[in-house]
Amino acid sequence: MSRALFLVCYDISAQDRLHRTHKQVQAYAVGGQKSFYECWLTPAELRALKDGLAEILDFAEDRVHFFQLDPRMLPSFYGQAARQSIQPFLIV
């Protein structure tokens, strides 16, 4: 099964839902900060993450976006930003 790189971004209005959403997304994340996380996901993991978030979110108030990224693209850095080291990195 092939994995794809996604940027998962969220804006949650209630603190309890924010905490639960953060834990759910961070379980799949390989890097990120605050409410933006990079996740390498199989199609089954993507579905599981979306289903888990659907149980948490209030669709009238909250937002979650999934952007599929091209892993071959090189990042641009500004200011004091630097490439995040994910070595050693192993997906089981």
PDB file of N, CA and C in Angstrom:
ATOM      1  N   MET A   1       0.840  -1.174   0.000  1.00  0.00           N
ATOM      2  CA  MET A   1       0.000   0.000   0.000  1.00  0.00           C
ATOM      3  C   MET A   1       0.886   1.240   0.000  1.00  0.00           C
ATOM      4  N   SER A   2       0.588   2.146  -0.869  1.00  0.00           N
ATOM      5  CA  SER A   2       1.390   3.348  -1.026  1.00  0.00           C
ATOM      6  C   SER A   2       0.905   4.458  -0.094  1.00  0.00           C
ATOM      7  N   ARG A   3       1.862   5.201   0.437  1.00  0.00           N
ATOM      8  CA  ARG A   3       1.535   6.337   1.295  1.00  0.00           C
ATOM      9  C   ARG A   3       1.645   7.629   0.490  1.00  0.00           C
ATOM     10  N   ALA A   4       0.813   8.585   0.840  1.00  0.00           N
ATOM     11  CA  ALA A   4       0.834   9.898   0.214  1.00  0.00           C
ATOM     12  C   ALA A   4       1.055  10.937   1.316  1.00  0.00           C
ATOM     13  N   LEU A   5       1.684  12.040   0.949  1.00  0.00           N
ATOM     14  CA  LEU A   5       1.960  13.114   1.895  1.00  0.00           C
ATOM     15  C   LEU A   5       0.806  14.104   1.902  1.00  0.00           C
ATOM     16  N   PHE A   6       0.276  14.373   3.085  1.00  0.00           N
ATOM     17  CA  PHE A   6      -0.821  15.325   3.256  1.00  0.00           C
ATOM     18  C   PHE A   6      -0.425  16.387   4.263  1.00  0.00           C
ATOM     19  N   LEU A   7      -0.918  17.593   4.029  1.00  0.00           N
ATOM     20  CA  LEU A   7      -0.868  18.650   5.019  1.00  0.00           C
ATOM     21  C   LEU A   7      -2.272  18.718   5.610  1.00  0.00           C
ATOM     22  N   VAL A   8      -2.374  18.496   6.916  1.00  0.00           N
ATOM     23  CA  VAL A   8      -3.658  18.528   7.603  1.00  0.00           C
ATOM     24  C   VAL A   8      -3.683  19.797   8.451  1.00  0.00           C
ATOM     25  N   CYS A   9      -4.670  20.641   8.204  1.00  0.00           N
ATOM     26  CA  CYS A   9      -4.797  21.934   8.883  1.00  0.00           C
ATOM     27  C   CYS A   9      -6.168  22.010   9.533  1.00  0.00           C
ATOM     28  N   TYR A  10      -6.214  22.568  10.728  1.00  0.00           N
ATOM     29  CA  TYR A  10      -7.529  22.680  11.372  1.00  0.00           C
ATOM     30  C   TYR A  10      -7.670  23.970  12.152  1.00  0.00           C
ATOM     31  N   ASP A  11      -8.935  24.375  12.289  1.00  0.00           N
ATOM     32  CA  ASP A  11      -9.330  25.539  13.082  1.00  0.00           C
ATOM     33  C   ASP A  11     -10.554  25.107  13.867  1.00  0.00           C
ATOM     34  N   ILE A  12     -10.379  24.888  15.151  1.00  0.00           N
ATOM     35  CA  ILE A  12     -11.432  24.336  16.011  1.00  0.00           C
ATOM     36  C   ILE A  12     -11.820  25.396  17.037  1.00  0.00           C
ATOM     37  N   SER A  13     -13.106  25.620  17.207  1.00  0.00           N
ATOM     38  CA  SER A  13     -13.567  26.734  18.042  1.00  0.00           C
ATOM     39  C   SER A  13     -13.651  26.417  19.537  1.00  0.00           C
ATOM     40  N   ALA A  14     -13.864  25.174  19.922  1.00  0.00           N
ATOM     41  CA  ALA A  14     -14.009  24.820  21.341  1.00  0.00           C
ATOM     42  C   ALA A  14     -12.745  24.111  21.831  1.00  0.00           C
ATOM     43  N   GLN A  15     -12.315  24.451  23.029  1.00  0.00           N
ATOM     44  CA  GLN A  15     -11.062  23.932  23.578  1.00  0.00           C
ATOM     45  C   GLN A  15     -11.054  22.408  23.704  1.00  0.00           C
ATOM     46  N   ASP A  16     -12.145  21.801  24.143  1.00  0.00           N
ATOM     47  CA  ASP A  16     -12.164  20.344  24.295  1.00  0.00           C
ATOM     48  C   ASP A  16     -12.055  19.640  22.943  1.00  0.00           C
ATOM     49  N   ARG A  17     -12.767  20.150  21.931  1.00  0.00           N
ATOM     50  CA  ARG A  17     -12.665  19.562  20.589  1.00  0.00           C
ATOM     51  C   ARG A  17     -11.283  19.807  19.986  1.00  0.00           C
ATOM     52  N   LEU A  18     -10.693  20.977  20.264  1.00  0.00           N
ATOM     53  CA  LEU A  18      -9.353  21.285  19.780  1.00  0.00           C
ATOM     54  C   LEU A  18      -8.349  20.273  20.329  1.00  0.00           C
ATOM     55  N   HIS A  19      -8.426  19.990  21.607  1.00  0.00           N
ATOM     56  CA  HIS A  19      -7.506  19.039  22.230  1.00  0.00           C
ATOM     57  C   HIS A  19      -7.673  17.643  21.633  1.00  0.00           C
ATOM     58  N   ARG A  20      -8.912  17.209  21.467  1.00  0.00           N
ATOM     59  CA  ARG A  20      -9.165  15.879  20.897  1.00  0.00           C
ATOM     60  C   ARG A  20      -8.734  15.813  19.434  1.00  0.00           C
ATOM     61  N   THR A  21      -8.963  16.877  18.670  1.00  0.00           N
ATOM     62  CA  THR A  21      -8.533  16.929  17.275  1.00  0.00           C
ATOM     63  C   THR A  21      -7.017  16.890  17.183  1.00  0.00           C
ATOM     64  N   HIS A  22      -6.359  17.662  18.022  1.00  0.00           N
ATOM     65  CA  HIS A  22      -4.896  17.688  18.041  1.00  0.00           C
ATOM     66  C   HIS A  22      -4.324  16.291  18.299  1.00  0.00           C
ATOM     67  N   LYS A  23      -4.863  15.595  19.277  1.00  0.00           N
ATOM     68  CA  LYS A  23      -4.387  14.242  19.579  1.00  0.00           C
ATOM     69  C   LYS A  23      -4.626  13.291  18.410  1.00  0.00           C
ATOM     70  N   GLN A  24      -5.776  13.409  17.774  1.00  0.00           N
ATOM     71  CA  GLN A  24      -6.122  12.537  16.644  1.00  0.00           C
ATOM     72  C   GLN A  24      -5.167  12.760  15.477  1.00  0.00           C
ATOM     73  N   VAL A  25      -4.924  14.009  15.110  1.00  0.00           N
ATOM     74  CA  VAL A  25      -4.054  14.313  13.974  1.00  0.00           C
ATOM     75  C   VAL A  25      -2.600  13.994  14.311  1.00  0.00           C
ATOM     76  N   GLN A  26      -2.165  14.337  15.500  1.00  0.00           N
ATOM     77  CA  GLN A  26      -0.772  14.128  15.863  1.00  0.00           C
ATOM     78  C   GLN A  26      -0.402  12.639  15.891  1.00  0.00           C
ATOM     79  N   ALA A  27      -1.365  11.774  16.062  1.00  0.00           N
ATOM     80  CA  ALA A  27      -1.098  10.334  16.034  1.00  0.00           C
ATOM     81  C   ALA A  27      -0.582   9.885  14.667  1.00  0.00           C
ATOM     82  N   TYR A  28      -0.883  10.633  13.619  1.00  0.00           N
ATOM     83  CA  TYR A  28      -0.459  10.299  12.259  1.00  0.00           C
ATOM     84  C   TYR A  28       0.654  11.216  11.741  1.00  0.00           C
ATOM     85  N   ALA A  29       0.991  12.247  12.485  1.00  0.00           N
ATOM     86  CA  ALA A  29       1.894  13.292  11.996  1.00  0.00           C
ATOM     87  C   ALA A  29       3.365  12.892  12.080  1.00  0.00           C
ATOM     88  N   VAL A  30       4.134  13.375  11.102  1.00  0.00           N
ATOM     89  CA  VAL A  30       5.585  13.219  11.134  1.00  0.00           C
ATOM     90  C   VAL A  30       6.263  14.563  11.377  1.00  0.00           C
ATOM     91  N   GLY A  31       5.532  15.624  11.308  1.00  0.00           N
ATOM     92  CA  GLY A  31       6.078  16.950  11.550  1.00  0.00           C
ATOM     93  C   GLY A  31       4.983  17.981  11.483  1.00  0.00           C
ATOM     94  N   GLY A  32       5.249  19.122  12.078  1.00  0.00           N
ATOM     95  CA  GLY A  32       4.279  20.199  12.036  1.00  0.00           C
ATOM     96  C   GLY A  32       4.333  21.022  13.295  1.00  0.00           C
ATOM     97  N   GLN A  33       3.392  21.935  13.409  1.00  0.00           N
ATOM     98  CA  GLN A  33       3.300  22.775  14.591  1.00  0.00           C
ATOM     99  C   GLN A  33       1.906  23.366  14.686  1.00  0.00           C
ATOM    100  N   LYS A  34       1.510  23.651  15.907  1.00  0.00           N
ATOM    101  CA  LYS A  34       0.205  24.243  16.204  1.00  0.00           C
ATOM    102  C   LYS A  34      -0.918  23.495  15.500  1.00  0.00           C
ATOM    103  N   SER A  35      -1.467  24.009  14.420  1.00  0.00           N
ATOM    104  CA  SER A  35      -2.604  23.336  13.782  1.00  0.00           C
ATOM    105  C   SER A  35      -2.323  22.948  12.331  1.00  0.00           C
ATOM    106  N   PHE A  36      -1.045  22.793  11.982  1.00  0.00           N
ATOM    107  CA  PHE A  36      -0.637  22.358  10.642  1.00  0.00           C
ATOM    108  C   PHE A  36       0.323  21.181  10.792  1.00  0.00           C
ATOM    109  N   TYR A  37      -0.056  20.036  10.229  1.00  0.00           N
ATOM    110  CA  TYR A  37       0.766  18.839  10.376  1.00  0.00           C
ATOM    111  C   TYR A  37       0.946  18.115   9.057  1.00  0.00           C
ATOM    112  N   GLU A  38       2.156  17.598   8.835  1.00  0.00           N
ATOM    113  CA  GLU A  38       2.454  16.748   7.688  1.00  0.00           C
ATOM    114  C   GLU A  38       2.199  15.310   8.100  1.00  0.00           C
ATOM    115  N   CYS A  39       1.468  14.579   7.275  1.00  0.00           N
ATOM    116  CA  CYS A  39       1.126  13.192   7.577  1.00  0.00           C
ATOM    117  C   CYS A  39       1.327  12.338   6.328  1.00  0.00           C
ATOM    118  N   TRP A  40       2.079  11.239   6.456  1.00  0.00           N
ATOM    119  CA  TRP A  40       2.200  10.244   5.388  1.00  0.00           C
ATOM    120  C   TRP A  40       1.124   9.215   5.649  1.00  0.00           C
ATOM    121  N   LEU A  41       0.132   9.121   4.769  1.00  0.00           N
ATOM    122  CA  LEU A  41      -1.037   8.287   5.021  1.00  0.00           C
ATOM    123  C   LEU A  41      -1.310   7.318   3.877  1.00  0.00           C
ATOM    124  N   THR A  42      -1.692   6.101   4.240  1.00  0.00           N
ATOM    125  CA  THR A  42      -2.244   5.170   3.268  1.00  0.00           C
ATOM    126  C   THR A  42      -3.701   5.563   3.058  1.00  0.00           C
ATOM    127  N   PRO A  43      -4.344   5.059   2.017  1.00  0.00           N
ATOM    128  CA  PRO A  43      -5.774   5.361   1.849  1.00  0.00           C
ATOM    129  C   PRO A  43      -6.611   4.931   3.065  1.00  0.00           C
ATOM    130  N   ALA A  44      -6.269   3.811   3.676  1.00  0.00           N
ATOM    131  CA  ALA A  44      -7.013   3.347   4.858  1.00  0.00           C
ATOM    132  C   ALA A  44      -6.783   4.264   6.053  1.00  0.00           C
ATOM    133  N   GLU A  45      -5.556   4.748   6.238  1.00  0.00           N
ATOM    134  CA  GLU A  45      -5.266   5.665   7.338  1.00  0.00           C
ATOM    135  C   GLU A  45      -5.955   7.009   7.122  1.00  0.00           C
ATOM    136  N   LEU A  46      -5.995   7.469   5.886  1.00  0.00           N
ATOM    137  CA  LEU A  46      -6.688   8.718   5.576  1.00  0.00           C
ATOM    138  C   LEU A  46      -8.166   8.599   5.924  1.00  0.00           C
ATOM    139  N   ARG A  47      -8.786   7.491   5.540  1.00  0.00           N
ATOM    140  CA  ARG A  47     -10.200   7.271   5.853  1.00  0.00           C
ATOM    141  C   ARG A  47     -10.405   7.192   7.364  1.00  0.00           C
ATOM    142  N   ALA A  48      -9.517   6.482   8.073  1.00  0.00           N
ATOM    143  CA  ALA A  48      -9.640   6.352   9.531  1.00  0.00           C
ATOM    144  C   ALA A  48      -9.496   7.705  10.218  1.00  0.00           C
ATOM    145  N   LEU A  49      -8.562   8.526   9.751  1.00  0.00           N
ATOM    146  CA  LEU A  49      -8.380   9.855  10.328  1.00  0.00           C
ATOM    147  C   LEU A  49      -9.610  10.723  10.074  1.00  0.00           C
ATOM    148  N   LYS A  50     -10.111  10.714   8.858  1.00  0.00           N
ATOM    149  CA  LYS A  50     -11.309  11.504   8.542  1.00  0.00           C
ATOM    150  C   LYS A  50     -12.515  11.031   9.352  1.00  0.00           C
ATOM    151  N   ASP A  51     -12.685   9.723   9.481  1.00  0.00           N
ATOM    152  CA  ASP A  51     -13.806   9.190  10.262  1.00  0.00           C
ATOM    153  C   ASP A  51     -13.674   9.563  11.737  1.00  0.00           C
ATOM    154  N   GLY A  52     -12.447   9.467  12.270  1.00  0.00           N
ATOM    155  CA  GLY A  52     -12.228   9.842  13.670  1.00  0.00           C
ATOM    156  C   GLY A  52     -12.509  11.305  13.921  1.00  0.00           C
ATOM    157  N   LEU A  53     -12.094  12.154  12.990  1.00  0.00           N
ATOM    158  CA  LEU A  53     -12.347  13.588  13.142  1.00  0.00           C
ATOM    159  C   LEU A  53     -13.833  13.918  12.997  1.00  0.00           C
ATOM    160  N   ALA A  54     -14.530  13.193  12.155  1.00  0.00           N
ATOM    161  CA  ALA A  54     -15.969  13.436  11.971  1.00  0.00           C
ATOM    162  C   ALA A  54     -16.739  13.210  13.267  1.00  0.00           C
ATOM    163  N   GLU A  55     -16.244  12.317  14.115  1.00  0.00           N
ATOM    164  CA  GLU A  55     -16.895  12.060  15.406  1.00  0.00           C
ATOM    165  C   GLU A  55     -16.635  13.176  16.417  1.00  0.00           C
ATOM    166  N   ILE A  56     -15.571  13.948  16.204  1.00  0.00           N
ATOM    167  CA  ILE A  56     -15.164  15.002  17.142  1.00  0.00           C
ATOM    168  C   ILE A  56     -15.731  16.362  16.771  1.00  0.00           C
ATOM    169  N   LEU A  57     -15.737  16.681  15.495  1.00  0.00           N
ATOM    170  CA  LEU A  57     -15.988  18.042  15.027  1.00  0.00           C
ATOM    171  C   LEU A  57     -17.444  18.469  15.105  1.00  0.00           C
ATOM    172  N   ASP A  58     -17.629  19.757  15.271  1.00  0.00           N
ATOM    173  CA  ASP A  58     -18.919  20.406  15.092  1.00  0.00           C
ATOM    174  C   ASP A  58     -18.840  21.078  13.723  1.00  0.00           C
ATOM    175  N   PHE A  59     -19.512  20.513  12.733  1.00  0.00           N
ATOM    176  CA  PHE A  59     -19.364  20.974  11.358  1.00  0.00           C
ATOM    177  C   PHE A  59     -19.873  22.397  11.137  1.00  0.00           C
ATOM    178  N   ALA A  60     -20.663  22.923  12.061  1.00  0.00           N
ATOM    179  CA  ALA A  60     -21.143  24.300  11.940  1.00  0.00           C
ATOM    180  C   ALA A  60     -20.082  25.308  12.398  1.00  0.00           C
ATOM    181  N   GLU A  61     -19.117  24.864  13.222  1.00  0.00           N
ATOM    182  CA  GLU A  61     -18.147  25.789  13.802  1.00  0.00           C
ATOM    183  C   GLU A  61     -16.691  25.485  13.455  1.00  0.00           C
ATOM    184  N   ASP A  62     -16.363  24.232  13.173  1.00  0.00           N
ATOM    185  CA  ASP A  62     -14.969  23.808  13.015  1.00  0.00           C
ATOM    186  C   ASP A  62     -14.614  23.574  11.554  1.00  0.00           C
ATOM    187  N   ARG A  63     -13.300  23.620  11.270  1.00  0.00           N
ATOM    188  CA  ARG A  63     -12.808  23.344   9.919  1.00  0.00           C
ATOM    189  C   ARG A  63     -11.580  22.448   9.993  1.00  0.00           C
ATOM    190  N   VAL A  64     -11.507  21.504   9.060  1.00  0.00           N
ATOM    191  CA  VAL A  64     -10.309  20.692   8.855  1.00  0.00           C
ATOM    192  C   VAL A  64     -10.102  20.593   7.354  1.00  0.00           C
ATOM    193  N   HIS A  65      -8.864  20.823   6.934  1.00  0.00           N
ATOM    194  CA  HIS A  65      -8.523  20.739   5.513  1.00  0.00           C
ATOM    195  C   HIS A  65      -7.418  19.705   5.326  1.00  0.00           C
ATOM    196  N   PHE A  66      -7.543  18.919   4.267  1.00  0.00           N
ATOM    197  CA  PHE A  66      -6.527  17.946   3.875  1.00  0.00           C
ATOM    198  C   PHE A  66      -6.012  18.367   2.504  1.00  0.00           C
ATOM    199  N   PHE A  67      -4.711  18.620   2.415  1.00  0.00           N
ATOM    200  CA  PHE A  67      -4.087  18.972   1.146  1.00  0.00           C
ATOM    201  C   PHE A  67      -3.069  17.896   0.812  1.00  0.00           C
ATOM    202  N   GLN A  68      -3.233  17.233  -0.330  1.00  0.00           N
ATOM    203  CA  GLN A  68      -2.240  16.251  -0.746  1.00  0.00           C
ATOM    204  C   GLN A  68      -1.074  16.995  -1.381  1.00  0.00           C
ATOM    205  N   LEU A  69       0.130  16.732  -0.881  1.00  0.00           N
ATOM    206  CA  LEU A  69       1.337  17.419  -1.332  1.00  0.00           C
ATOM    207  C   LEU A  69       2.176  16.490  -2.205  1.00  0.00           C
ATOM    208  N   ASP A  70       2.955  17.088  -3.064  1.00  0.00           N
ATOM    209  CA  ASP A  70       3.909  16.333  -3.865  1.00  0.00           C
ATOM    210  C   ASP A  70       5.197  16.221  -3.052  1.00  0.00           C
ATOM    211  N   PRO A  71       5.563  15.013  -2.616  1.00  0.00           N
ATOM    212  CA  PRO A  71       6.743  14.871  -1.752  1.00  0.00           C
ATOM    213  C   PRO A  71       8.054  15.208  -2.456  1.00  0.00           C
ATOM    214  N   ARG A  72       8.040  15.342  -3.775  1.00  0.00           N
ATOM    215  CA  ARG A  72       9.267  15.688  -4.510  1.00  0.00           C
ATOM    216  C   ARG A  72       9.558  17.180  -4.485  1.00  0.00           C
ATOM    217  N   MET A  73       8.575  17.984  -4.102  1.00  0.00           N
ATOM    218  CA  MET A  73       8.772  19.436  -4.073  1.00  0.00           C
ATOM    219  C   MET A  73       9.701  19.814  -2.918  1.00  0.00           C
ATOM    220  N   LEU A  74      10.599  20.735  -3.183  1.00  0.00           N
ATOM    221  CA  LEU A  74      11.496  21.208  -2.139  1.00  0.00           C
ATOM    222  C   LEU A  74      10.834  22.355  -1.384  1.00  0.00           C
ATOM    223  N   PRO A  75      10.957  22.372  -0.053  1.00  0.00           N
ATOM    224  CA  PRO A  75      10.345  23.448   0.722  1.00  0.00           C
ATOM    225  C   PRO A  75      11.126  24.752   0.591  1.00  0.00           C
ATOM    226  N   SER A  76      10.459  25.858   0.789  1.00  0.00           N
ATOM    227  CA  SER A  76      11.092  27.178   0.854  1.00  0.00           C
ATOM    228  C   SER A  76      11.117  27.603   2.313  1.00  0.00           C
ATOM    229  N   PHE A  77      12.222  28.165   2.756  1.00  0.00           N
ATOM    230  CA  PHE A  77      12.357  28.588   4.148  1.00  0.00           C
ATOM    231  C   PHE A  77      12.575  30.090   4.198  1.00  0.00           C
ATOM    232  N   TYR A  78      11.972  30.742   5.183  1.00  0.00           N
ATOM    233  CA  TYR A  78      12.102  32.178   5.374  1.00  0.00           C
ATOM    234  C   TYR A  78      12.427  32.449   6.833  1.00  0.00           C
ATOM    235  N   GLY A  79      13.118  33.510   7.107  1.00  0.00           N
ATOM    236  CA  GLY A  79      13.459  33.857   8.485  1.00  0.00           C
ATOM    237  C   GLY A  79      14.404  32.828   9.075  1.00  0.00           C
ATOM    238  N   GLN A  80      14.099  32.342  10.266  1.00  0.00           N
ATOM    239  CA  GLN A  80      14.960  31.390  10.955  1.00  0.00           C
ATOM    240  C   GLN A  80      14.507  29.955  10.761  1.00  0.00           C
ATOM    241  N   ALA A  81      13.608  29.735   9.834  1.00  0.00           N
ATOM    242  CA  ALA A  81      13.096  28.386   9.587  1.00  0.00           C
ATOM    243  C   ALA A  81      14.197  27.492   9.034  1.00  0.00           C
ATOM    244  N   ALA A  82      14.110  26.210   9.350  1.00  0.00           N
ATOM    245  CA  ALA A  82      15.067  25.225   8.855  1.00  0.00           C
ATOM    246  C   ALA A  82      14.331  23.914   8.609  1.00  0.00           C
ATOM    247  N   ARG A  83      14.901  23.077   7.770  1.00  0.00           N
ATOM    248  CA  ARG A  83      14.302  21.778   7.481  1.00  0.00           C
ATOM    249  C   ARG A  83      14.241  20.972   8.776  1.00  0.00           C
ATOM    250  N   GLN A  84      13.078  20.399   9.022  1.00  0.00           N
ATOM    251  CA  GLN A  84      12.887  19.562  10.193  1.00  0.00           C
ATOM    252  C   GLN A  84      13.501  18.201   9.916  1.00  0.00           C
ATOM    253  N   SER A  85      14.305  17.745  10.842  1.00  0.00           N
ATOM    254  CA  SER A  85      14.926  16.431  10.675  1.00  0.00           C
ATOM    255  C   SER A  85      13.936  15.357  11.092  1.00  0.00           C
ATOM    256  N   ILE A  86      13.720  14.416  10.191  1.00  0.00           N
ATOM    257  CA  ILE A  86      12.859  13.272  10.518  1.00  0.00           C
ATOM    258  C   ILE A  86      13.669  11.994  10.429  1.00  0.00           C
ATOM    259  N   GLN A  87      14.969  12.092  10.591  1.00  0.00           N
ATOM    260  CA  GLN A  87      15.851  10.925  10.554  1.00  0.00           C
ATOM    261  C   GLN A  87      16.227  10.546  11.977  1.00  0.00           C
ATOM    262  N   PRO A  88      16.260   9.336  12.387  1.00  0.00           N
ATOM    263  CA  PRO A  88      15.783   8.209  11.582  1.00  0.00           C
ATOM    264  C   PRO A  88      14.261   8.204  11.536  1.00  0.00           C
ATOM    265  N   PHE A  89      13.719   7.752  10.429  1.00  0.00           N
ATOM    266  CA  PHE A  89      12.283   7.764  10.214  1.00  0.00           C
ATOM    267  C   PHE A  89      11.859   6.386   9.741  1.00  0.00           C
ATOM    268  N   LEU A  90      10.870   5.824  10.393  1.00  0.00           N
ATOM    269  CA  LEU A  90      10.415   4.482  10.051  1.00  0.00           C
ATOM    270  C   LEU A  90       8.904   4.438  10.176  1.00  0.00           C
ATOM    271  N   ILE A  91       8.257   3.998   9.131  1.00  0.00           N
ATOM    272  CA  ILE A  91       6.811   3.779   9.170  1.00  0.00           C
ATOM    273  C   ILE A  91       6.597   2.274   9.216  1.00  0.00           C
ATOM    274  N   VAL A  92       5.895   1.825  10.231  1.00  0.00           N
ATOM    275  CA  VAL A  92       5.646   0.385  10.386  1.00  0.00           C
ATOM    276  C   VAL A  92       4.224   0.083   9.985  1.00  0.00           C
TER     277      VAL A  92
END
